[in-house]
Amino acid sequence: FAHGSLPGWCVDSTTDQPRPVGRICLELPGQAHLISWCLGKPRTVSGWDLVEGRAKPTMLAVPEGSVYYFLCENPTTAAALAQKLHWQPRSDFYGEKGCGYGLVSFDVRLHPTSPDLHTLAKQLLNL
C-alpha cells in the first residue's frame, strides 16, 4: 500500500493523512474501522517494462495470509464492507485492476479472543 501496511482506503484522500483510528473511506451505510492487522514479512514485487525495455520499480507488498480486523457499526455495514472487499482487488498502485495483487477474502465472524467489542464499539463509533 502507499502508506505502508495501511490500505489507501483507510486514508483521507483530501489531506493524504490516515483517518482517525483507521476509519474506512469506502461508501458504506454506517461506520467501519480498521482496528488491528497481523502481517508477515513484506513481499518484494517488480517486473519488466517491455515498452521501456527496463526493470519496473521494486515495491513492497503486504504478504499473502495477512489479516486485517474491522469493527463495523452494524450487520448491514459489515455486509456492505464484505461485498466491497470480498474477492475484489484493492491495490493502491494498480487501481481496481489489481494485476493479481490485493485480492481480499472476507469472513464475517468474531474471533474467540476478541476484546470486549461492545466497549470498543462505544469508544470508536460513539454508540
Protein backbone atom coordinates (compact mmCIF):
# COMPACT_ATOMS: atom_id res chain seq x y z
CA PHE A 1 0.00 0.00 0.00
CA ALA A 2 1.09 3.59 -0.49
CA HIS A 3 1.04 4.14 3.29
CA GLY A 4 2.95 1.04 4.37
CA SER A 5 0.62 -1.63 5.73
CA LEU A 6 -2.32 0.82 5.98
CA PRO A 7 -4.67 0.43 2.99
CA GLY A 8 -5.23 3.57 0.93
CA TRP A 9 -8.97 3.36 1.56
CA CYS A 10 -8.19 4.00 5.25
CA VAL A 11 -6.56 7.32 4.34
CA ASP A 12 -8.23 10.70 3.80
CA SER A 13 -7.64 11.44 0.10
CA THR A 14 -8.02 15.21 0.59
CA THR A 15 -5.21 15.51 3.17
CA ASP A 16 -3.29 12.26 2.46
CA GLN A 17 -3.35 11.58 6.20
CA PRO A 18 -4.55 8.39 7.90
CA ARG A 19 -8.12 8.60 9.14
CA PRO A 20 -8.58 8.65 12.91
CA VAL A 21 -8.29 5.11 14.26
CA GLY A 22 -8.34 3.61 10.73
CA ARG A 23 -11.78 4.85 9.71
CA ILE A 24 -12.78 3.26 6.41
CA CYS A 25 -13.14 5.70 3.49
CA LEU A 26 -15.41 3.49 1.38
CA GLU A 27 -19.05 4.42 0.81
CA LEU A 28 -20.90 2.36 3.44
CA PRO A 29 -24.31 2.59 5.17
CA GLY A 30 -22.59 3.03 8.56
CA GLN A 31 -19.19 3.45 10.18
CA ALA A 32 -16.39 0.89 9.97
CA HIS A 33 -12.91 1.00 11.49
CA LEU A 34 -9.74 -0.95 10.85
CA ILE A 35 -8.83 -1.87 14.44
CA SER A 36 -5.94 -4.30 14.02
CA TRP A 37 -3.86 -6.19 11.50
CA CYS A 38 -1.37 -9.04 11.53
CA LEU A 39 1.24 -9.18 8.76
CA GLY A 40 4.17 -11.30 7.73
CA LYS A 41 7.37 -10.02 6.12
CA PRO A 42 6.69 -7.76 3.12
CA ARG A 43 6.89 -9.32 -0.34
CA THR A 44 9.14 -7.74 -2.95
CA VAL A 45 7.30 -7.11 -6.23
CA SER A 46 8.82 -5.98 -9.53
CA GLY A 47 8.70 -6.78 -13.22
CA TRP A 48 9.95 -5.87 -16.66
CA ASP A 49 8.57 -2.99 -18.73
CA LEU A 50 8.52 -4.31 -22.31
CA VAL A 51 7.83 -0.88 -23.82
CA GLU A 52 10.64 0.90 -21.97
CA GLY A 53 12.97 -2.12 -22.02
CA ARG A 54 13.90 -1.81 -18.35
CA ALA A 55 13.02 -3.08 -14.91
CA LYS A 56 9.91 -1.72 -13.23
CA PRO A 57 10.36 -0.11 -9.80
CA THR A 58 10.58 -2.53 -6.90
CA MET A 59 7.74 -2.24 -4.38
CA LEU A 60 6.95 -3.92 -1.10
CA ALA A 61 3.57 -5.66 -0.83
CA VAL A 62 1.54 -6.98 2.09
CA PRO A 63 2.18 -10.76 2.04
CA GLU A 64 -0.41 -13.45 1.48
CA GLY A 65 -2.09 -14.65 4.66
CA SER A 66 -2.12 -11.20 6.23
CA VAL A 67 -5.21 -10.46 8.29
CA TYR A 68 -6.99 -7.14 8.81
CA TYR A 69 -9.66 -6.84 11.54
CA PHE A 70 -12.55 -4.41 11.08
CA LEU A 71 -15.18 -3.24 13.52
CA CYS A 72 -18.48 -2.27 11.87
CA GLU A 73 -21.33 -0.26 13.33
CA ASN A 74 -23.98 -2.85 12.45
CA PRO A 75 -24.52 -6.04 10.43
CA THR A 76 -25.66 -4.04 7.38
CA THR A 77 -22.37 -2.13 7.33
CA ALA A 78 -20.39 -5.36 7.80
CA ALA A 79 -22.23 -6.96 4.88
CA ALA A 80 -21.63 -3.89 2.68
CA LEU A 81 -17.91 -3.85 3.58
CA ALA A 82 -17.66 -7.57 2.84
CA GLN A 83 -19.35 -7.05 -0.54
CA LYS A 84 -16.93 -4.24 -1.46
CA LEU A 85 -13.85 -6.26 -0.44
CA HIS A 86 -14.56 -9.97 -0.98
CA TRP A 87 -12.50 -11.24 -3.96
CA GLN A 88 -12.01 -7.66 -5.13
CA PRO A 89 -8.55 -6.24 -5.90
CA ARG A 90 -7.66 -3.38 -3.57
CA SER A 91 -4.21 -2.33 -4.75
CA ASP A 92 -3.23 1.29 -4.06
CA PHE A 93 -0.89 1.19 -7.07
CA TYR A 94 -2.88 -0.67 -9.72
CA GLY A 95 -6.36 0.63 -9.02
CA GLU A 96 -9.25 -1.75 -9.28
CA LYS A 97 -7.31 -3.87 -11.81
CA GLY A 98 -5.10 -5.16 -9.02
CA CYS A 99 -2.96 -7.06 -11.57
CA GLY A 100 -3.40 -10.17 -9.44
CA TYR A 101 -2.35 -8.31 -6.31
CA GLY A 102 -4.51 -7.14 -3.48
CA LEU A 103 -7.28 -9.74 -3.68
CA VAL A 104 -9.29 -9.84 -0.48
CA SER A 105 -11.17 -12.75 1.04
CA PHE A 106 -13.66 -11.70 3.69
CA ASP A 107 -15.15 -13.65 6.59
CA VAL A 108 -17.71 -12.05 8.90
CA ARG A 109 -17.33 -13.59 12.33
CA LEU A 110 -15.99 -12.83 15.77
CA HIS A 111 -12.66 -14.34 16.78
CA PRO A 112 -12.90 -16.10 20.19
CA THR A 113 -10.04 -14.00 21.62
CA SER A 114 -11.56 -10.67 20.55
CA PRO A 115 -11.67 -7.90 23.17
CA ASP A 116 -14.92 -6.60 24.63
CA LEU A 117 -16.31 -5.33 21.34
CA HIS A 118 -19.26 -3.54 22.91
CA THR A 119 -16.90 -1.26 24.83
CA LEU A 120 -14.64 -0.81 21.80
CA ALA A 121 -17.62 -0.01 19.56
CA LYS A 122 -18.85 2.63 22.01
CA GLN A 123 -15.42 4.28 22.01
CA LEU A 124 -14.85 4.18 18.23
CA LEU A 125 -18.35 4.59 16.87
CA ASN A 126 -19.80 6.82 19.61
CA LEU A 127 -22.71 4.44 20.16
